[in-house]
Amino acid sequence: MPTITLREQQQLAPNQFQVILQFEGGGSYPVTITNPFDEQQEARLEWYFEGWLRRPFLNTVTAAQAKASITDYGHQLF
């Protein structure tokens, strides 16, 4: 399976980065990646992945919202 490498070049804005996308045995392409979530949404994901797992029976509604947002995050990045 070929290796795909993303190499950060510079930060363009608080939520935006210029990277080089490189395929093993292929070319290199400049790409701009924008984080689709704001700080509040990022904090909710951080809580879901790091905090909620310690106490999975609390804040189940917030956990369900965070879980659902993962799909949206992936779609926006794609």
N, C-alpha and C. Protein backbone atom coordinates (compact mmCIF):
# COMPACT_ATOMS: atom_id res chain seq x y z
N MET A 1 0.84 -1.17 0.00
CA MET A 1 0.00 0.00 0.00
C MET A 1 0.90 1.24 0.00
N PRO A 2 0.68 2.17 -0.92
CA PRO A 2 1.51 3.37 -0.98
C PRO A 2 1.29 4.29 0.24
N THR A 3 2.32 5.03 0.56
CA THR A 3 2.27 5.97 1.67
C THR A 3 1.84 7.34 1.16
N ILE A 4 0.94 7.99 1.91
CA ILE A 4 0.52 9.35 1.63
C ILE A 4 1.04 10.22 2.77
N THR A 5 1.73 11.31 2.44
CA THR A 5 2.32 12.18 3.45
C THR A 5 1.74 13.58 3.33
N LEU A 6 1.37 14.17 4.48
CA LEU A 6 0.98 15.57 4.56
C LEU A 6 2.05 16.29 5.35
N ARG A 7 2.65 17.31 4.76
CA ARG A 7 3.71 18.05 5.43
C ARG A 7 3.27 19.51 5.55
N GLU A 8 3.13 19.98 6.79
CA GLU A 8 2.68 21.34 7.01
C GLU A 8 3.74 22.34 6.56
N GLN A 9 3.31 23.33 5.82
CA GLN A 9 4.22 24.36 5.34
C GLN A 9 4.10 25.64 6.16
N GLN A 10 2.87 26.13 6.31
CA GLN A 10 2.66 27.35 7.07
C GLN A 10 1.21 27.47 7.51
N GLN A 11 1.00 28.23 8.57
CA GLN A 11 -0.36 28.52 9.02
C GLN A 11 -0.79 29.79 8.34
N LEU A 12 -1.91 29.74 7.64
CA LEU A 12 -2.41 30.88 6.90
C LEU A 12 -3.36 31.74 7.73
N ALA A 13 -4.10 31.11 8.61
CA ALA A 13 -5.07 31.77 9.49
C ALA A 13 -5.21 30.87 10.73
N PRO A 14 -5.95 31.32 11.73
CA PRO A 14 -6.08 30.48 12.93
C PRO A 14 -6.56 29.05 12.66
N ASN A 15 -7.42 28.85 11.70
CA ASN A 15 -7.95 27.52 11.41
C ASN A 15 -7.59 27.04 10.01
N GLN A 16 -6.52 27.58 9.44
CA GLN A 16 -6.20 27.24 8.05
C GLN A 16 -4.69 27.02 7.89
N PHE A 17 -4.34 25.93 7.19
CA PHE A 17 -2.94 25.56 7.01
C PHE A 17 -2.65 25.24 5.55
N GLN A 18 -1.46 25.61 5.13
CA GLN A 18 -0.96 25.22 3.81
C GLN A 18 -0.10 23.98 4.04
N VAL A 19 -0.40 22.90 3.29
CA VAL A 19 0.36 21.66 3.42
C VAL A 19 0.78 21.18 2.05
N ILE A 20 1.73 20.26 2.03
CA ILE A 20 2.13 19.58 0.81
C ILE A 20 1.63 18.15 0.93
N LEU A 21 0.83 17.74 -0.03
CA LEU A 21 0.32 16.38 -0.11
C LEU A 21 1.21 15.62 -1.06
N GLN A 22 1.80 14.53 -0.57
CA GLN A 22 2.75 13.77 -1.38
C GLN A 22 2.37 12.29 -1.37
N PHE A 23 2.32 11.73 -2.58
CA PHE A 23 2.03 10.31 -2.74
C PHE A 23 3.33 9.59 -3.01
N GLU A 24 3.53 8.46 -2.35
CA GLU A 24 4.73 7.66 -2.56
C GLU A 24 4.82 7.28 -4.03
N GLY A 25 5.95 7.59 -4.64
CA GLY A 25 6.16 7.28 -6.04
C GLY A 25 5.43 8.22 -6.99
N GLY A 26 4.85 9.29 -6.46
CA GLY A 26 4.10 10.23 -7.28
C GLY A 26 4.52 11.66 -7.02
N GLY A 27 3.67 12.57 -7.39
CA GLY A 27 3.99 13.98 -7.25
C GLY A 27 3.62 14.56 -5.91
N SER A 28 3.93 15.84 -5.78
CA SER A 28 3.59 16.61 -4.59
C SER A 28 2.62 17.71 -4.99
N TYR A 29 1.66 17.99 -4.12
CA TYR A 29 0.62 18.96 -4.44
C TYR A 29 0.39 19.89 -3.26
N PRO A 30 0.38 21.21 -3.48
CA PRO A 30 0.05 22.13 -2.39
C PRO A 30 -1.46 22.09 -2.13
N VAL A 31 -1.83 22.02 -0.86
CA VAL A 31 -3.23 21.93 -0.47
C VAL A 31 -3.46 22.85 0.73
N THR A 32 -4.60 23.50 0.75
CA THR A 32 -4.99 24.30 1.91
C THR A 32 -6.05 23.52 2.68
N ILE A 33 -5.81 23.32 3.97
CA ILE A 33 -6.74 22.61 4.84
C ILE A 33 -7.32 23.61 5.83
N THR A 34 -8.64 23.64 5.88
CA THR A 34 -9.34 24.51 6.82
C THR A 34 -10.06 23.65 7.85
N ASN A 35 -9.83 23.93 9.11
CA ASN A 35 -10.52 23.22 10.18
C ASN A 35 -11.99 23.60 10.11
N PRO A 36 -12.90 22.64 9.93
CA PRO A 36 -14.31 22.97 9.77
C PRO A 36 -15.03 23.35 11.06
N PHE A 37 -14.43 23.12 12.21
CA PHE A 37 -15.10 23.40 13.47
C PHE A 37 -14.49 24.61 14.16
N ASP A 38 -15.31 25.32 14.92
CA ASP A 38 -14.81 26.44 15.71
C ASP A 38 -14.28 25.91 17.04
N GLU A 39 -13.81 26.80 17.89
CA GLU A 39 -13.19 26.37 19.16
C GLU A 39 -14.16 25.63 20.07
N GLN A 40 -15.42 26.06 20.09
CA GLN A 40 -16.42 25.41 20.95
C GLN A 40 -16.68 23.98 20.47
N GLN A 41 -16.81 23.79 19.16
CA GLN A 41 -17.03 22.45 18.62
C GLN A 41 -15.82 21.55 18.86
N GLU A 42 -14.63 22.13 18.71
CA GLU A 42 -13.40 21.37 18.97
C GLU A 42 -13.33 20.94 20.44
N ALA A 43 -13.71 21.85 21.33
CA ALA A 43 -13.68 21.53 22.77
C ALA A 43 -14.66 20.41 23.08
N ARG A 44 -15.81 20.41 22.40
CA ARG A 44 -16.80 19.33 22.64
C ARG A 44 -16.24 17.99 22.16
N LEU A 45 -15.56 17.99 21.02
CA LEU A 45 -14.93 16.74 20.55
C LEU A 45 -13.83 16.28 21.50
N GLU A 46 -13.04 17.23 21.98
CA GLU A 46 -11.98 16.88 22.93
C GLU A 46 -12.59 16.25 24.18
N TRP A 47 -13.66 16.86 24.69
CA TRP A 47 -14.34 16.30 25.86
C TRP A 47 -14.85 14.90 25.56
N TYR A 48 -15.44 14.71 24.38
CA TYR A 48 -16.01 13.40 24.03
C TYR A 48 -14.93 12.33 23.98
N PHE A 49 -13.80 12.63 23.32
CA PHE A 49 -12.76 11.61 23.16
C PHE A 49 -11.91 11.41 24.42
N GLU A 50 -11.79 12.44 25.25
CA GLU A 50 -10.90 12.34 26.40
C GLU A 50 -11.61 12.31 27.75
N GLY A 51 -12.68 13.06 27.90
CA GLY A 51 -13.34 13.16 29.19
C GLY A 51 -14.52 12.24 29.36
N TRP A 52 -15.37 12.14 28.35
CA TRP A 52 -16.58 11.35 28.49
C TRP A 52 -16.29 9.88 28.70
N LEU A 53 -15.20 9.40 28.13
CA LEU A 53 -14.86 7.98 28.28
C LEU A 53 -14.58 7.61 29.74
N ARG A 54 -14.20 8.60 30.53
CA ARG A 54 -13.95 8.34 31.96
C ARG A 54 -15.24 8.22 32.75
N ARG A 55 -16.29 8.91 32.28
CA ARG A 55 -17.60 8.89 32.96
C ARG A 55 -18.70 8.76 31.90
N PRO A 56 -18.82 7.60 31.28
CA PRO A 56 -19.71 7.45 30.14
C PRO A 56 -21.21 7.47 30.45
N PHE A 57 -21.58 7.56 31.71
CA PHE A 57 -23.01 7.56 32.04
C PHE A 57 -23.54 8.97 32.31
N LEU A 58 -22.67 9.96 32.23
CA LEU A 58 -23.07 11.35 32.45
C LEU A 58 -23.10 12.10 31.11
N ASN A 59 -23.92 13.11 31.03
CA ASN A 59 -24.00 13.98 29.84
C ASN A 59 -24.21 13.19 28.55
N THR A 60 -25.15 12.28 28.58
CA THR A 60 -25.35 11.42 27.40
C THR A 60 -25.87 12.19 26.19
N VAL A 61 -26.64 13.25 26.41
CA VAL A 61 -27.15 14.05 25.28
C VAL A 61 -25.99 14.77 24.60
N THR A 62 -25.13 15.40 25.38
CA THR A 62 -23.96 16.08 24.82
C THR A 62 -23.05 15.08 24.11
N ALA A 63 -22.90 13.92 24.68
CA ALA A 63 -22.07 12.88 24.05
C ALA A 63 -22.66 12.45 22.71
N ALA A 64 -23.96 12.30 22.65
CA ALA A 64 -24.61 11.91 21.39
C ALA A 64 -24.43 13.00 20.32
N GLN A 65 -24.51 14.25 20.73
CA GLN A 65 -24.31 15.36 19.79
C GLN A 65 -22.87 15.38 19.29
N ALA A 66 -21.92 15.17 20.18
CA ALA A 66 -20.51 15.14 19.79
C ALA A 66 -20.25 13.97 18.84
N LYS A 67 -20.80 12.82 19.16
CA LYS A 67 -20.63 11.65 18.31
C LYS A 67 -21.18 11.91 16.91
N ALA A 68 -22.35 12.52 16.83
CA ALA A 68 -22.96 12.82 15.53
C ALA A 68 -22.14 13.84 14.75
N SER A 69 -21.47 14.74 15.45
CA SER A 69 -20.70 15.78 14.76
C SER A 69 -19.44 15.23 14.10
N ILE A 70 -18.99 14.05 14.49
CA ILE A 70 -17.79 13.46 13.90
C ILE A 70 -17.99 13.22 12.40
N THR A 71 -19.16 12.73 12.04
CA THR A 71 -19.47 12.50 10.62
C THR A 71 -19.47 13.82 9.86
N ASP A 72 -20.09 14.84 10.44
CA ASP A 72 -20.13 16.15 9.80
C ASP A 72 -18.72 16.71 9.63
N TYR A 73 -17.88 16.53 10.63
CA TYR A 73 -16.48 16.99 10.60
C TYR A 73 -15.76 16.35 9.39
N GLY A 74 -15.91 15.03 9.26
CA GLY A 74 -15.27 14.32 8.15
C GLY A 74 -15.78 14.77 6.79
N HIS A 75 -17.09 14.96 6.68
CA HIS A 75 -17.66 15.43 5.40
C HIS A 75 -17.14 16.80 5.02
N GLN A 76 -17.05 17.70 6.00
CA GLN A 76 -16.57 19.05 5.72
C GLN A 76 -15.08 19.03 5.32
N LEU A 77 -14.29 18.18 5.96
CA LEU A 77 -12.88 18.09 5.58
C LEU A 77 -12.73 17.54 4.17
N PHE A 78 -13.55 16.56 3.82
CA PHE A 78 -13.48 15.95 2.50
C PHE A 78 -13.88 16.93 1.43
